[in-house]
Each structure stands twice: as C-alpha cells, then as structure tokens.
PDB file of N, CA and C in Angstrom:
ATOM      1  N   MET A   1     -52.852  11.489 -17.457  1.00  0.00           N
ATOM      2  CA  MET A   1     -51.491  12.200 -17.431  1.00  0.00           C
ATOM      3  C   MET A   1     -51.560  13.475 -17.349  1.00  0.00           C
ATOM      4  N   ALA A   2     -50.929  13.568 -16.371  1.00  0.00           N
ATOM      5  CA  ALA A   2     -50.939  15.428 -15.902  1.00  0.00           C
ATOM      6  C   ALA A   2     -49.796  15.755 -16.256  1.00  0.00           C
ATOM      7  N   LEU A   3     -49.305  17.378 -16.563  1.00  0.00           N
ATOM      8  CA  LEU A   3     -48.714  17.816 -16.565  1.00  0.00           C
ATOM      9  C   LEU A   3     -48.420  18.753 -15.739  1.00  0.00           C
ATOM     10  N   HIS A   4     -47.226  18.970 -15.170  1.00  0.00           N
ATOM     11  CA  HIS A   4     -46.627  20.098 -14.748  1.00  0.00           C
ATOM     12  C   HIS A   4     -45.421  20.671 -14.695  1.00  0.00           C
ATOM     13  N   LYS A   5     -45.472  21.868 -14.247  1.00  0.00           N
ATOM     14  CA  LYS A   5     -44.393  23.034 -14.543  1.00  0.00           C
ATOM     15  C   LYS A   5     -42.548  22.007 -13.835  1.00  0.00           C
ATOM     16  N   CYS A   6     -42.040  22.215 -14.781  1.00  0.00           N
ATOM     17  CA  CYS A   6     -40.171  21.819 -13.871  1.00  0.00           C
ATOM     18  C   CYS A   6     -39.802  21.887 -12.955  1.00  0.00           C
ATOM     19  N   PRO A   7     -39.920  21.856 -11.868  1.00  0.00           N
ATOM     20  CA  PRO A   7     -39.177  22.329 -10.118  1.00  0.00           C
ATOM     21  C   PRO A   7     -38.205  23.575 -10.541  1.00  0.00           C
ATOM     22  N   LYS A   8     -36.754  22.821 -11.253  1.00  0.00           N
ATOM     23  CA  LYS A   8     -35.778  23.687 -11.565  1.00  0.00           C
ATOM     24  C   LYS A   8     -36.116  24.723 -11.727  1.00  0.00           C
ATOM     25  N   CYS A   9     -36.291  24.844 -13.327  1.00  0.00           N
ATOM     26  CA  CYS A   9     -36.673  25.948 -14.120  1.00  0.00           C
ATOM     27  C   CYS A   9     -37.893  26.467 -14.426  1.00  0.00           C
ATOM     28  N   GLU A  10     -39.004  26.017 -14.150  1.00  0.00           N
ATOM     29  CA  GLU A  10     -40.303  26.946 -13.885  1.00  0.00           C
ATOM     30  C   GLU A  10     -41.464  26.830 -14.661  1.00  0.00           C
ATOM     31  N   LEU A  11     -40.166  26.532 -16.415  1.00  0.00           N
ATOM     32  CA  LEU A  11     -40.900  27.061 -17.825  1.00  0.00           C
ATOM     33  C   LEU A  11     -41.180  25.557 -18.184  1.00  0.00           C
ATOM     34  N   ASN A  12     -40.403  24.904 -18.677  1.00  0.00           N
ATOM     35  CA  ASN A  12     -41.470  23.898 -19.240  1.00  0.00           C
ATOM     36  C   ASN A  12     -42.042  22.829 -18.584  1.00  0.00           C
ATOM     37  N   TYR A  13     -43.127  22.445 -19.873  1.00  0.00           N
ATOM     38  CA  TYR A  13     -43.360  21.346 -19.006  1.00  0.00           C
ATOM     39  C   TYR A  13     -43.186  19.887 -18.572  1.00  0.00           C
ATOM     40  N   ILE A  14     -43.691  19.087 -17.798  1.00  0.00           N
ATOM     41  CA  ILE A  14     -43.516  17.475 -17.878  1.00  0.00           C
ATOM     42  C   ILE A  14     -44.056  16.494 -17.266  1.00  0.00           C
ATOM     43  N   ARG A  15     -44.649  15.470 -17.834  1.00  0.00           N
ATOM     44  CA  ARG A  15     -45.162  14.671 -17.646  1.00  0.00           C
ATOM     45  C   ARG A  15     -44.751  14.102 -15.480  1.00  0.00           C
ATOM     46  N   GLU A  16     -46.209  13.995 -15.195  1.00  0.00           N
ATOM     47  CA  GLU A  16     -45.717  13.183 -13.102  1.00  0.00           C
ATOM     48  C   GLU A  16     -44.890  12.555 -13.069  1.00  0.00           C
ATOM     49  N   ASP A  17     -44.622  10.988 -13.632  1.00  0.00           N
ATOM     50  CA  ASP A  17     -43.030  10.110 -13.993  1.00  0.00           C
ATOM     51  C   ASP A  17     -41.995  10.790 -13.892  1.00  0.00           C
ATOM     52  N   GLU A  18     -41.152  11.759 -14.801  1.00  0.00           N
ATOM     53  CA  GLU A  18     -40.355  13.040 -14.456  1.00  0.00           C
ATOM     54  C   GLU A  18     -40.418  13.849 -13.508  1.00  0.00           C
ATOM     55  N   GLU A  19     -38.789  13.577 -13.260  1.00  0.00           N
ATOM     56  CA  GLU A  19     -38.573  14.921 -12.167  1.00  0.00           C
ATOM     57  C   GLU A  19     -38.109  15.881 -12.503  1.00  0.00           C
ATOM     58  N   TYR A  20     -37.326  16.038 -14.565  1.00  0.00           N
ATOM     59  CA  TYR A  20     -36.668  17.427 -14.253  1.00  0.00           C
ATOM     60  C   TYR A  20     -37.174  17.226 -16.191  1.00  0.00           C
ATOM     61  N   CYS A  21     -37.019  18.943 -16.440  1.00  0.00           N
ATOM     62  CA  CYS A  21     -36.984  18.760 -17.770  1.00  0.00           C
ATOM     63  C   CYS A  21     -36.086  18.749 -18.804  1.00  0.00           C
ATOM     64  N   ASP A  22     -36.446  18.574 -20.098  1.00  0.00           N
ATOM     65  CA  ASP A  22     -35.107  17.567 -20.654  1.00  0.00           C
ATOM     66  C   ASP A  22     -33.889  18.403 -20.797  1.00  0.00           C
ATOM     67  N   VAL A  23     -34.329  19.258 -20.919  1.00  0.00           N
ATOM     68  CA  VAL A  23     -33.006  20.813 -21.154  1.00  0.00           C
ATOM     69  C   VAL A  23     -32.733  21.485 -19.489  1.00  0.00           C
ATOM     70  N   CYS A  24     -33.461  20.846 -18.538  1.00  0.00           N
ATOM     71  CA  CYS A  24     -32.652  21.158 -17.336  1.00  0.00           C
ATOM     72  C   CYS A  24     -31.692  19.480 -16.713  1.00  0.00           C
ATOM     73  N   LYS A  25     -32.502  18.810 -16.849  1.00  0.00           N
ATOM     74  CA  LYS A  25     -31.306  17.015 -16.866  1.00  0.00           C
ATOM     75  C   LYS A  25     -29.919  17.228 -17.820  1.00  0.00           C
ATOM     76  N   ARG A  26     -30.153  18.121 -19.031  1.00  0.00           N
ATOM     77  CA  ARG A  26     -28.779  17.962 -19.798  1.00  0.00           C
ATOM     78  C   ARG A  26     -27.875  18.768 -19.059  1.00  0.00           C
ATOM     79  N   ALA A  27     -28.810  19.699 -18.687  1.00  0.00           N
ATOM     80  CA  ALA A  27     -27.797  20.884 -17.778  1.00  0.00           C
ATOM     81  C   ALA A  27     -26.850  20.609 -16.622  1.00  0.00           C
ATOM     82  N   MET A  28     -27.840  19.946 -15.850  1.00  0.00           N
ATOM     83  CA  MET A  28     -27.717  19.277 -14.483  1.00  0.00           C
ATOM     84  C   MET A  28     -26.219  17.901 -15.053  1.00  0.00           C
ATOM     85  N   LYS A  29     -26.272  17.710 -16.153  1.00  0.00           N
ATOM     86  CA  LYS A  29     -25.085  16.499 -16.360  1.00  0.00           C
ATOM     87  C   LYS A  29     -24.126  17.143 -17.032  1.00  0.00           C
ATOM     88  N   ARG A  30     -24.007  18.455 -17.433  1.00  0.00           N
ATOM     89  CA  ARG A  30     -22.969  19.006 -17.860  1.00  0.00           C
ATOM     90  C   ARG A  30     -22.476  19.666 -16.482  1.00  0.00           C
ATOM     91  N   ALA A  31     -22.921  20.236 -15.988  1.00  0.00           N
ATOM     92  CA  ALA A  31     -21.959  20.643 -14.285  1.00  0.00           C
ATOM     93  C   ALA A  31     -21.307  19.697 -13.778  1.00  0.00           C
ATOM     94  N   LEU A  32     -22.375  18.834 -14.029  1.00  0.00           N
ATOM     95  CA  LEU A  32     -21.707  17.219 -13.089  1.00  0.00           C
ATOM     96  C   LEU A  32     -20.935  16.904 -13.760  1.00  0.00           C
ATOM     97  N   ALA A  33     -20.439  16.914 -15.326  1.00  0.00           N
ATOM     98  CA  ALA A  33     -19.443  16.577 -15.599  1.00  0.00           C
ATOM     99  C   ALA A  33     -17.917  17.318 -15.060  1.00  0.00           C
ATOM    100  N   ARG A  34     -18.328  18.873 -15.377  1.00  0.00           N
ATOM    101  CA  ARG A  34     -17.350  19.523 -14.904  1.00  0.00           C
ATOM    102  C   ARG A  34     -17.044  20.045 -13.688  1.00  0.00           C
ATOM    103  N   ILE A  35     -17.296  19.445 -12.360  1.00  0.00           N
ATOM    104  CA  ILE A  35     -17.292  19.262 -11.421  1.00  0.00           C
ATOM    105  C   ILE A  35     -16.435  17.774 -10.823  1.00  0.00           C
ATOM    106  N   ARG A  36     -16.962  16.738 -11.731  1.00  0.00           N
ATOM    107  CA  ARG A  36     -15.835  15.247 -11.073  1.00  0.00           C
ATOM    108  C   ARG A  36     -14.122  15.895 -11.708  1.00  0.00           C
ATOM    109  N   PRO A  37     -14.419  15.457 -10.509  1.00  0.00           N
ATOM    110  CA  PRO A  37     -12.180  15.700 -11.495  1.00  0.00           C
ATOM    111  C   PRO A  37     -11.964  14.401 -12.641  1.00  0.00           C
ATOM    112  N   VAL A  38     -11.029  14.489 -12.786  1.00  0.00           N
ATOM    113  CA  VAL A  38     -10.984  13.776 -14.363  1.00  0.00           C
ATOM    114  C   VAL A  38      -9.507  12.996 -14.166  1.00  0.00           C
ATOM    115  N   VAL A  39     -10.463  11.571 -14.132  1.00  0.00           N
ATOM    116  CA  VAL A  39      -9.687  10.354 -13.740  1.00  0.00           C
ATOM    117  C   VAL A  39      -8.442  10.417 -14.930  1.00  0.00           C
ATOM    118  N   GLU A  40      -6.947  10.077 -14.833  1.00  0.00           N
ATOM    119  CA  GLU A  40      -6.329   9.907 -15.411  1.00  0.00           C
ATOM    120  C   GLU A  40      -5.556   8.445 -14.564  1.00  0.00           C
ATOM    121  N   GLU A  41      -5.342   7.668 -15.821  1.00  0.00           N
ATOM    122  CA  GLU A  41      -4.276   6.896 -15.506  1.00  0.00           C
ATOM    123  C   GLU A  41      -3.254   7.323 -14.906  1.00  0.00           C
ATOM    124  N   THR A  42      -2.557   6.412 -13.629  1.00  0.00           N
ATOM    125  CA  THR A  42      -1.484   6.653 -12.835  1.00  0.00           C
ATOM    126  C   THR A  42      -0.685   5.626 -13.287  1.00  0.00           C
ATOM    127  N   ASP A  43       0.974   5.352 -12.445  1.00  0.00           N
ATOM    128  CA  ASP A  43       1.513   4.348 -12.748  1.00  0.00           C
ATOM    129  C   ASP A  43       1.025   2.931 -11.743  1.00  0.00           C
ATOM    130  N   GLU A  44      -0.146   3.383 -10.525  1.00  0.00           N
ATOM    131  CA  GLU A  44      -0.046   2.817  -9.598  1.00  0.00           C
ATOM    132  C   GLU A  44      -0.982   2.112 -10.767  1.00  0.00           C
ATOM    133  N   ASP A  45      -1.792   1.994 -11.516  1.00  0.00           N
ATOM    134  CA  ASP A  45      -3.319   1.358 -12.467  1.00  0.00           C
ATOM    135  C   ASP A  45      -2.418  -0.163 -13.441  1.00  0.00           C
ATOM    136  N   GLU A  46      -0.571   0.452 -13.154  1.00  0.00           N
ATOM    137  CA  GLU A  46       0.080  -0.821 -14.233  1.00  0.00           C
ATOM    138  C   GLU A  46       0.059  -2.003 -12.923  1.00  0.00           C
ATOM    139  N   VAL A  47       0.347  -3.310 -13.483  1.00  0.00           N
ATOM    140  CA  VAL A  47       0.945  -4.390 -12.836  1.00  0.00           C
ATOM    141  C   VAL A  47       1.908  -4.399 -12.755  1.00  0.00           C
ATOM    142  N   LEU A  48       2.413  -4.308 -12.155  1.00  0.00           N
ATOM    143  CA  LEU A  48       3.983  -4.723 -11.747  1.00  0.00           C
ATOM    144  C   LEU A  48       3.928  -6.244 -10.488  1.00  0.00           C
ATOM    145  N   VAL A  49       5.174  -7.074 -11.724  1.00  0.00           N
ATOM    146  CA  VAL A  49       5.039  -8.144 -10.957  1.00  0.00           C
ATOM    147  C   VAL A  49       6.740  -8.396 -10.518  1.00  0.00           C
ATOM    148  N   CYS A  50       6.757  -9.399  -9.515  1.00  0.00           N
ATOM    149  CA  CYS A  50       8.366  -9.735  -8.341  1.00  0.00           C
ATOM    150  C   CYS A  50       9.293  -9.330  -8.793  1.00  0.00           C
ATOM    151  N   SER A  51      10.030  -9.329  -8.603  1.00  0.00           N
ATOM    152  CA  SER A  51      11.179  -9.156  -9.627  1.00  0.00           C
ATOM    153  C   SER A  51      12.303 -10.259  -8.785  1.00  0.00           C
ATOM    154  N   GLU A  52      11.934 -10.632  -7.999  1.00  0.00           N
ATOM    155  CA  GLU A  52      12.657 -11.438  -7.489  1.00  0.00           C
ATOM    156  C   GLU A  52      11.996 -13.671  -7.847  1.00  0.00           C
ATOM    157  N   CYS A  53      10.329 -13.561  -8.381  1.00  0.00           N
ATOM    158  CA  CYS A  53       9.961 -15.142  -8.479  1.00  0.00           C
ATOM    159  C   CYS A  53       9.197 -14.946  -9.820  1.00  0.00           C
ATOM    160  N   GLY A  54       9.466 -13.588 -10.381  1.00  0.00           N
ATOM    161  CA  GLY A  54       8.997 -13.558 -11.736  1.00  0.00           C
ATOM    162  C   GLY A  54       7.507 -13.083 -12.200  1.00  0.00           C
ATOM    163  N   GLU A  55       6.251 -13.675 -10.810  1.00  0.00           N
ATOM    164  CA  GLU A  55       5.529 -14.663 -11.062  1.00  0.00           C
ATOM    165  C   GLU A  55       4.133 -13.835 -10.661  1.00  0.00           C
ATOM    166  N   ALA A  56       4.174 -13.328  -9.064  1.00  0.00           N
ATOM    167  CA  ALA A  56       3.432 -12.575  -8.197  1.00  0.00           C
ATOM    168  C   ALA A  56       3.365 -11.123  -8.278  1.00  0.00           C
ATOM    169  N   ARG A  57       2.342 -10.432  -7.876  1.00  0.00           N
ATOM    170  CA  ARG A  57       2.229  -9.063  -8.201  1.00  0.00           C
ATOM    171  C   ARG A  57       2.728  -8.465  -7.137  1.00  0.00           C
ATOM    172  N   VAL A  58       3.525  -7.279  -7.003  1.00  0.00           N
ATOM    173  CA  VAL A  58       4.166  -6.751  -6.015  1.00  0.00           C
ATOM    174  C   VAL A  58       3.590  -6.556  -4.898  1.00  0.00           C
ATOM    175  N   VAL A  59       3.636  -5.708  -3.914  1.00  0.00           N
ATOM    176  CA  VAL A  59       3.115  -5.403  -2.972  1.00  0.00           C
ATOM    177  C   VAL A  59       2.931  -3.485  -3.133  1.00  0.00           C
ATOM    178  N   ARG A  60       2.127  -3.539  -2.296  1.00  0.00           N
ATOM    179  CA  ARG A  60       2.161  -1.773  -2.500  1.00  0.00           C
ATOM    180  C   ARG A  60       3.033  -0.740  -1.847  1.00  0.00           C
ATOM    181  N   GLY A  61       4.289   0.015  -2.934  1.00  0.00           N
ATOM    182  CA  GLY A  61       5.249   1.123  -2.464  1.00  0.00           C
ATOM    183  C   GLY A  61       6.729  -0.428  -2.768  1.00  0.00           C
ATOM    184  N   GLY A  62       6.196  -1.698  -3.436  1.00  0.00           N
ATOM    185  CA  GLY A  62       7.735  -2.272  -2.992  1.00  0.00           C
ATOM    186  C   GLY A  62       8.324  -2.733  -4.527  1.00  0.00           C
ATOM    187  N   GLU A  63       9.275  -3.858  -4.466  1.00  0.00           N
ATOM    188  CA  GLU A  63       9.325  -4.504  -5.664  1.00  0.00           C
ATOM    189  C   GLU A  63       9.240  -5.883  -5.682  1.00  0.00           C
ATOM    190  N   PHE A  64       9.288  -6.877  -4.766  1.00  0.00           N
ATOM    191  CA  PHE A  64       9.330  -7.661  -4.011  1.00  0.00           C
ATOM    192  C   PHE A  64       7.165  -8.688  -3.314  1.00  0.00           C
ATOM    193  N   CYS A  65       6.788  -9.613  -4.027  1.00  0.00           N
ATOM    194  CA  CYS A  65       5.530 -10.239  -3.860  1.00  0.00           C
ATOM    195  C   CYS A  65       5.476 -10.467  -1.989  1.00  0.00           C
ATOM    196  N   LEU A  66       4.273 -10.569  -1.615  1.00  0.00           N
ATOM    197  CA  LEU A  66       4.349 -11.348  -0.172  1.00  0.00           C
ATOM    198  C   LEU A  66       5.190 -12.015   0.274  1.00  0.00           C
ATOM    199  N   SER A  67       5.137 -13.447  -0.613  1.00  0.00           N
ATOM    200  CA  SER A  67       6.040 -14.313  -0.672  1.00  0.00           C
ATOM    201  C   SER A  67       7.344 -14.363  -0.831  1.00  0.00           C
ATOM    202  N   CYS A  68       7.954 -13.803  -1.080  1.00  0.00           N
ATOM    203  CA  CYS A  68       8.794 -13.187  -1.618  1.00  0.00           C
ATOM    204  C   CYS A  68       9.803 -12.339  -0.032  1.00  0.00           C
ATOM    205  N   LEU A  69       8.846 -11.095   0.542  1.00  0.00           N
ATOM    206  CA  LEU A  69       9.268 -10.560   1.795  1.00  0.00           C
ATOM    207  C   LEU A  69       9.118 -11.296   2.517  1.00  0.00           C
ATOM    208  N   LYS A  70       8.965 -12.256   2.811  1.00  0.00           N
ATOM    209  CA  LYS A  70       8.718 -13.026   3.666  1.00  0.00           C
ATOM    210  C   LYS A  70       9.613 -13.510   3.757  1.00  0.00           C
ATOM    211  N   GLU A  71       9.936 -14.506   2.458  1.00  0.00           N
ATOM    212  CA  GLU A  71      11.461 -15.078   2.276  1.00  0.00           C
ATOM    213  C   GLU A  71      12.828 -14.282   2.998  1.00  0.00           C
ATOM    214  N   LYS A  72      12.705 -13.318   2.245  1.00  0.00           N
ATOM    215  CA  LYS A  72      14.188 -12.226   2.604  1.00  0.00           C
ATOM    216  C   LYS A  72      14.150 -11.719   3.816  1.00  0.00           C
ATOM    217  N   LYS A  73      12.201 -11.368   4.693  1.00  0.00           N
ATOM    218  CA  LYS A  73      12.724 -11.442   6.255  1.00  0.00           C
ATOM    219  C   LYS A  73      13.363 -12.609   6.950  1.00  0.00           C
ATOM    220  N   ARG A  74      12.938 -13.143   6.618  1.00  0.00           N
ATOM    221  CA  ARG A  74      13.333 -14.864   6.980  1.00  0.00           C
ATOM    222  C   ARG A  74      14.729 -15.055   7.013  1.00  0.00           C
ATOM    223  N   GLN A  75      15.701 -15.328   5.737  1.00  0.00           N
ATOM    224  CA  GLN A  75      16.856 -14.940   5.862  1.00  0.00           C
ATOM    225  C   GLN A  75      17.538 -13.764   6.672  1.00  0.00           C
ATOM    226  N   VAL A  76      17.365 -12.245   6.646  1.00  0.00           N
ATOM    227  CA  VAL A  76      17.611 -11.581   7.076  1.00  0.00           C
ATOM    228  C   VAL A  76      17.817 -11.383   8.694  1.00  0.00           C
ATOM    229  N   GLU A  77      16.426 -13.039   8.823  1.00  0.00           N
ATOM    230  CA  GLU A  77      16.513 -12.949  10.744  1.00  0.00           C
ATOM    231  C   GLU A  77      17.439 -14.046  11.039  1.00  0.00           C
ATOM    232  N   LEU A  78      17.501 -14.953  10.038  1.00  0.00           N
ATOM    233  CA  LEU A  78      18.267 -15.969  10.239  1.00  0.00           C
ATOM    234  C   LEU A  78      20.130 -15.417  10.321  1.00  0.00           C
ATOM    235  N   GLU A  79      20.194 -14.587   8.767  1.00  0.00           N
ATOM    236  CA  GLU A  79      21.826 -14.109   9.423  1.00  0.00           C
ATOM    237  C   GLU A  79      22.027 -13.546  10.707  1.00  0.00           C
ATOM    238  N   ASN A  80      21.045 -12.210  11.268  1.00  0.00           N
ATOM    239  CA  ASN A  80      21.073 -11.717  12.128  1.00  0.00           C
ATOM    240  C   ASN A  80      21.107 -12.651  13.347  1.00  0.00           C
ATOM    241  N   ALA A  81      20.589 -13.667  13.553  1.00  0.00           N
ATOM    242  CA  ALA A  81      21.043 -14.425  14.684  1.00  0.00           C
ATOM    243  C   ALA A  81      22.764 -15.002  14.145  1.00  0.00           C
ATOM    244  N   SER A  82      22.833 -15.948  13.423  1.00  0.00           N
ATOM    245  CA  SER A  82      24.210 -16.038  13.164  1.00  0.00           C
ATOM    246  C   SER A  82      24.983 -15.505  13.771  1.00  0.00           C
ATOM    247  N   VAL A  83      25.230 -14.369  13.380  1.00  0.00           N
ATOM    248  CA  VAL A  83      26.061 -12.801  13.999  1.00  0.00           C
ATOM    249  C   VAL A  83      26.245 -12.921  15.464  1.00  0.00           C
ATOM    250  N   MET A  84      24.889 -12.690  16.133  1.00  0.00           N
ATOM    251  CA  MET A  84      24.537 -12.782  17.871  1.00  0.00           C
ATOM    252  C   MET A  84      25.360 -13.803  18.078  1.00  0.00           C
ATOM    253  N   THR A  85      25.304 -15.072  17.315  1.00  0.00           N
ATOM    254  CA  THR A  85      25.834 -16.165  18.202  1.00  0.00           C
ATOM    255  C   THR A  85      27.838 -16.522  18.132  1.00  0.00           C
ATOM    256  N   ALA A  86      27.530 -15.909  17.119  1.00  0.00           N
ATOM    257  CA  ALA A  86      29.476 -15.660  16.538  1.00  0.00           C
ATOM    258  C   ALA A  86      29.775 -14.784  17.554  1.00  0.00           C
ATOM    259  N   HIS A  87      29.232 -13.835  17.973  1.00  0.00           N
ATOM    260  CA  HIS A  87      29.368 -12.611  18.945  1.00  0.00           C
ATOM    261  C   HIS A  87      29.768 -13.149  20.343  1.00  0.00           C
ATOM    262  N   ASP A  88      28.543 -14.243  20.562  1.00  0.00           N
ATOM    263  CA  ASP A  88      28.829 -14.589  21.749  1.00  0.00           C
ATOM    264  C   ASP A  88      29.877 -15.617  22.097  1.00  0.00           C
ATOM    265  N   ASP A  89      30.179 -16.188  21.193  1.00  0.00           N
ATOM    266  CA  ASP A  89      31.258 -17.132  21.292  1.00  0.00           C
ATOM    267  C   ASP A  89      32.548 -16.918  21.966  1.00  0.00           C
ATOM    268  N   PHE A  90      33.139 -17.197  22.830  1.00  0.00           N
ATOM    269  CA  PHE A  90      34.595 -16.722  23.665  1.00  0.00           C
ATOM    270  C   PHE A  90      35.777 -16.860  23.162  1.00  0.00           C
ATOM    271  N   ASP A  91      36.526 -15.872  23.304  1.00  0.00           N
ATOM    272  CA  ASP A  91      37.547 -16.051  21.659  1.00  0.00           C
ATOM    273  C   ASP A  91      38.565 -16.219  23.245  1.00  0.00           C
ATOM    274  N   ASP A  92      39.535 -16.798  22.756  1.00  0.00           N
ATOM    275  CA  ASP A  92      41.193 -17.304  23.563  1.00  0.00           C
ATOM    276  C   ASP A  92      41.837 -16.143  24.280  1.00  0.00           C
ATOM    277  N   GLU A  93      41.414 -14.620  24.099  1.00  0.00           N
ATOM    278  CA  GLU A  93      41.877 -13.719  25.294  1.00  0.00           C
ATOM    279  C   GLU A  93      40.687 -13.691  26.245  1.00  0.00           C
ATOM    280  N   ASP A  94      39.242 -13.938  26.320  1.00  0.00           N
ATOM    281  CA  ASP A  94      38.587 -13.870  27.241  1.00  0.00           C
ATOM    282  C   ASP A  94      39.019 -14.826  28.194  1.00  0.00           C
ATOM    283  N   LEU A  95      39.273 -15.712  28.329  1.00  0.00           N
ATOM    284  CA  LEU A  95      39.438 -16.934  28.075  1.00  0.00           C
ATOM    285  C   LEU A  95      41.034 -16.097  28.911  1.00  0.00           C
ATOM    286  N   LEU A  96      42.026 -15.971  28.550  1.00  0.00           N
ATOM    287  CA  LEU A  96      43.078 -15.811  29.119  1.00  0.00           C
ATOM    288  C   LEU A  96      43.026 -14.459  30.284  1.00  0.00           C
ATOM    289  N   ASP A  97      42.151 -13.619  30.131  1.00  0.00           N
ATOM    290  CA  ASP A  97      41.877 -12.804  31.254  1.00  0.00           C
ATOM    291  C   ASP A  97      41.159 -12.980  32.456  1.00  0.00           C
ATOM    292  N   ASP A  98      40.249 -14.180  32.392  1.00  0.00           N
ATOM    293  CA  ASP A  98      39.380 -14.712  33.428  1.00  0.00           C
ATOM    294  C   ASP A  98      40.941 -15.637  33.966  1.00  0.00           C
ATOM    295  N   ASP A  99      41.867 -16.235  33.348  1.00  0.00           N
ATOM    296  CA  ASP A  99      43.089 -16.864  33.756  1.00  0.00           C
ATOM    297  C   ASP A  99      43.497 -16.074  34.646  1.00  0.00           C
ATOM    298  N   GLU A 100      43.796 -14.646  33.818  1.00  0.00           N
ATOM    299  CA  GLU A 100      44.661 -13.639  35.017  1.00  0.00           C
ATOM    300  C   GLU A 100      43.653 -13.478  36.755  1.00  0.00           C
ATOM    301  N   ASP A 101      42.713 -13.396  36.491  1.00  0.00           N
ATOM    302  CA  ASP A 101      41.660 -13.202  37.408  1.00  0.00           C
ATOM    303  C   ASP A 101      41.666 -13.861  38.062  1.00  0.00           C
ATOM    304  N   LEU A 102      41.704 -15.090  37.502  1.00  0.00           N
ATOM    305  CA  LEU A 102      42.206 -16.109  38.514  1.00  0.00           C
ATOM    306  C   LEU A 102      42.985 -16.975  39.682  1.00  0.00           C
ATOM    307  N   ASP A 103      44.425 -16.547  38.902  1.00  0.00           N
ATOM    308  CA  ASP A 103      45.067 -15.898  39.245  1.00  0.00           C
ATOM    309  C   ASP A 103      45.407 -15.230  40.636  1.00  0.00           C
ATOM    310  N   ALA A 104      44.709 -13.942  40.168  1.00  0.00           N
ATOM    311  CA  ALA A 104      45.359 -12.486  41.229  1.00  0.00           C
ATOM    312  C   ALA A 104      44.460 -12.932  42.657  1.00  0.00           C
ATOM    313  N   GLU A 105      42.870 -14.025  42.555  1.00  0.00           N
ATOM    314  CA  GLU A 105      42.300 -13.579  43.292  1.00  0.00           C
ATOM    315  C   GLU A 105      43.171 -14.876  44.246  1.00  0.00           C
ATOM    316  N   GLU A 106      44.088 -15.503  43.819  1.00  0.00           N
ATOM    317  CA  GLU A 106      44.521 -17.209  44.030  1.00  0.00           C
ATOM    318  C   GLU A 106      45.747 -16.770  45.501  1.00  0.00           C
ATOM    319  N   GLU A 107      46.642 -15.484  44.848  1.00  0.00           N
ATOM    320  CA  GLU A 107      47.716 -14.344  45.468  1.00  0.00           C
ATOM    321  C   GLU A 107      47.087 -13.719  46.743  1.00  0.00           C
TER     322      GLU A 107
END
C-alpha cells in the first residue's frame, strides 16, 4: 500500500487505489454543481388528462388524447365529405340551363 501525490493538487498524498485526494474531490464536486443547470419543474412535468374522454393523457401540445384526436379527425373528414357531395348534386337551375342549351342547339 504505497502512497503517491494527488495528480490534481500535487500536495496531498493518496493511496494507489484512489484517483484524487478528498480535498480535490470536494472541489470538483462543488464545481460540477455550479456548472450543472438547476432543474426546475415546468408545466410539461404535469400530467394532463384529455378534456374529451377524461381518461387518457393528452398528446404534447394538445388538449386531447391520441384516440380522441383520431376520432375528431375522422368526424371532420366525414363532414367535409358530406359537404362535397351536397355541392356536387345538381340544382334545378343547372338542369334548366342545360335544357336551354339543348334547345338552342336544336334551332
């Protein structure tokens, strides 16, 4: 069990199995504590529950869970599809205009 000087301060003696002396270890620990940022709790740490179903966790940056978001998207797509088919139907005025075009071609 031989002793040698601490490689950091070269003042204190340490055993062969130690890396640094106790004084240098404490100094390095304090320096590391100053360098590390202080972790503060943020709003992201809170567990938010879906406002629709009230059971599952919300997706990041939203107010609904994944399954409720999918259902909302499906509902919007169904509404858009029904609006498109309603506009694609012929109006009576369109039929009248077509009849007038046919009458003009016959003359």
